[in-house]
Amino acid sequence: SRMIRSFSSVVPLAARREVLELAPALGLGEDLLEASEGADVVGVDREDARYADYLMAGGDMRRRLERLDEALPYFERARALRERLFGEADPRVAEVLIDLAASLPAERRPEYDAALARALAIYERALGP
């Protein structure tokens, strides 16, 4: 697919290795593994939005594997990057906030509530109540 072919040109080599380690457990298939072999790396400075998307995917894979402590840093970095790129009230930030909240452990319930409330406020501003 187009996404799989572009994966290797967008994601830095070290990061691709992390994603590829998780690929078999998620049933992503051999095409993802093959697409990542030997490709050139595109500079992150030109691909900030795509890099934020990679961070989201890395966090999502870890969350699906119930490795929540590993997922959180990915979502936190994606949130910070998207806030810098698009502004704090952008729906793409709300998307990250929802994923971030879903990865928080139960003892961080106040942060969970705050993240979801902020995401809702962003979506209501952007789309209406």
Protein backbone atom coordinates (compact mmCIF):
# COMPACT_ATOMS: atom_id res chain seq x y z
CA SER A 1 0.00 0.00 0.00
CA ARG A 2 1.00 3.64 -0.37
CA MET A 3 1.37 4.12 3.39
CA ILE A 4 3.68 1.16 3.71
CA ARG A 5 5.84 2.28 0.79
CA SER A 6 6.22 5.77 2.28
CA PHE A 7 6.96 4.45 5.78
CA SER A 8 10.62 3.86 5.10
CA SER A 9 11.22 7.30 3.60
CA VAL A 10 9.64 9.21 6.50
CA VAL A 11 10.56 7.39 9.68
CA PRO A 12 14.15 7.60 11.00
CA LEU A 13 16.06 4.30 10.97
CA ALA A 14 16.20 3.82 14.76
CA ALA A 15 12.48 4.51 15.04
CA ARG A 16 11.68 2.12 12.19
CA ARG A 17 13.46 -0.64 14.04
CA GLU A 18 11.23 -0.10 17.07
CA VAL A 19 8.09 -0.22 14.94
CA LEU A 20 9.29 -3.30 13.11
CA GLU A 21 9.92 -5.13 16.38
CA LEU A 22 6.23 -4.71 17.19
CA ALA A 23 4.91 -5.44 13.69
CA PRO A 24 4.66 -9.24 13.98
CA ALA A 25 2.77 -9.06 17.27
CA LEU A 26 0.23 -6.74 15.65
CA GLY A 27 -0.11 -8.83 12.49
CA LEU A 28 1.14 -6.05 10.24
CA GLY A 29 2.58 -8.48 7.74
CA GLU A 30 5.72 -8.96 5.74
CA ASP A 31 5.06 -6.05 3.38
CA LEU A 32 5.80 -3.58 6.19
CA LEU A 33 9.02 -5.38 6.98
CA GLU A 34 10.08 -5.46 3.35
CA ALA A 35 9.22 -1.80 2.79
CA SER A 36 11.53 -0.75 5.60
CA GLU A 37 14.64 -2.49 4.31
CA GLY A 38 17.49 -0.22 3.24
CA ALA A 39 15.53 2.95 2.53
CA ASP A 40 16.95 6.45 2.83
CA VAL A 41 15.89 8.51 5.82
CA VAL A 42 14.17 11.84 5.25
CA GLY A 43 15.22 14.61 7.64
CA VAL A 44 12.84 15.17 10.52
CA ASP A 45 13.13 18.93 10.12
CA ARG A 46 11.22 18.72 6.83
CA GLU A 47 8.75 16.11 8.01
CA ASP A 48 7.59 17.33 11.39
CA ALA A 49 3.90 16.61 10.74
CA ARG A 50 4.72 13.16 9.43
CA TYR A 51 7.03 12.55 12.37
CA ALA A 52 4.16 13.42 14.73
CA ASP A 53 2.07 10.84 12.85
CA TYR A 54 4.84 8.29 13.36
CA LEU A 55 4.88 9.05 17.08
CA MET A 56 1.12 8.49 17.18
CA ALA A 57 1.52 5.14 15.42
CA GLY A 58 4.33 4.09 17.76
CA GLY A 59 2.22 4.96 20.80
CA ASP A 60 -0.81 3.21 19.37
CA MET A 61 1.10 0.00 18.72
CA ARG A 62 2.43 -0.03 22.25
CA ARG A 63 -1.00 0.69 23.69
CA ARG A 64 -2.49 -2.20 21.71
CA LEU A 65 0.17 -4.44 23.22
CA GLU A 66 -0.79 -3.08 26.66
CA ARG A 67 2.65 -1.53 27.09
CA LEU A 68 1.12 1.69 28.37
CA ASP A 69 4.24 2.95 30.14
CA GLU A 70 6.04 2.78 26.79
CA ALA A 71 3.13 4.36 24.85
CA LEU A 72 2.87 7.50 26.98
CA PRO A 73 6.16 9.13 25.89
CA TYR A 74 5.18 8.72 22.23
CA PHE A 75 1.83 10.42 22.75
CA GLU A 76 3.37 13.15 24.90
CA ARG A 77 5.97 13.94 22.22
CA ALA A 78 3.32 13.87 19.49
CA ARG A 79 1.15 16.27 21.50
CA ALA A 80 4.00 18.71 22.04
CA LEU A 81 4.99 18.58 18.37
CA ARG A 82 1.44 19.03 17.08
CA GLU A 83 0.83 21.92 19.50
CA ARG A 84 3.96 23.62 18.18
CA LEU A 85 3.06 22.97 14.53
CA PHE A 86 -0.70 23.57 14.52
CA GLY A 87 -1.53 25.43 17.73
CA GLU A 88 -3.03 24.26 21.00
CA ALA A 89 -6.62 24.40 19.74
CA ASP A 90 -6.18 22.24 16.63
CA PRO A 91 -8.25 19.03 16.28
CA ARG A 92 -5.03 17.10 15.59
CA VAL A 93 -4.00 17.96 19.15
CA ALA A 94 -7.36 16.70 20.42
CA GLU A 95 -6.71 13.39 18.64
CA VAL A 96 -3.45 12.98 20.57
CA LEU A 97 -5.09 13.97 23.85
CA ILE A 98 -7.64 11.17 23.49
CA ASP A 99 -4.93 8.59 22.81
CA LEU A 100 -2.83 9.97 25.64
CA ALA A 101 -5.77 9.73 28.06
CA ALA A 102 -6.46 6.14 27.00
CA SER A 103 -2.89 5.23 27.91
CA LEU A 104 -2.87 6.73 31.40
CA PRO A 105 -2.96 4.35 34.36
CA ALA A 106 -5.92 4.49 36.75
CA GLU A 107 -3.98 6.38 39.43
CA ARG A 108 -3.64 9.30 36.98
CA ARG A 109 -7.42 9.73 36.66
CA PRO A 110 -7.34 13.54 37.10
CA GLU A 111 -4.99 13.83 34.10
CA TYR A 112 -7.28 11.50 32.14
CA ASP A 113 -10.29 13.68 32.89
CA ALA A 114 -8.40 16.88 32.03
CA ALA A 115 -7.11 15.50 28.71
CA LEU A 116 -10.58 14.37 27.61
CA ALA A 117 -12.16 17.66 28.69
CA ARG A 118 -9.57 19.59 26.70
CA ALA A 119 -10.06 17.36 23.65
CA LEU A 120 -13.83 17.88 23.81
CA ALA A 121 -13.40 21.65 24.07
CA ILE A 122 -11.09 21.65 21.03
CA TYR A 123 -13.54 19.60 18.97
CA GLU A 124 -16.49 21.78 20.00
CA ARG A 125 -14.60 24.93 19.00
CA ALA A 126 -13.63 23.42 15.67
CA LEU A 127 -16.84 21.58 14.80
CA GLY A 128 -19.53 23.10 16.99
CA PRO A 129 -21.37 21.55 19.94
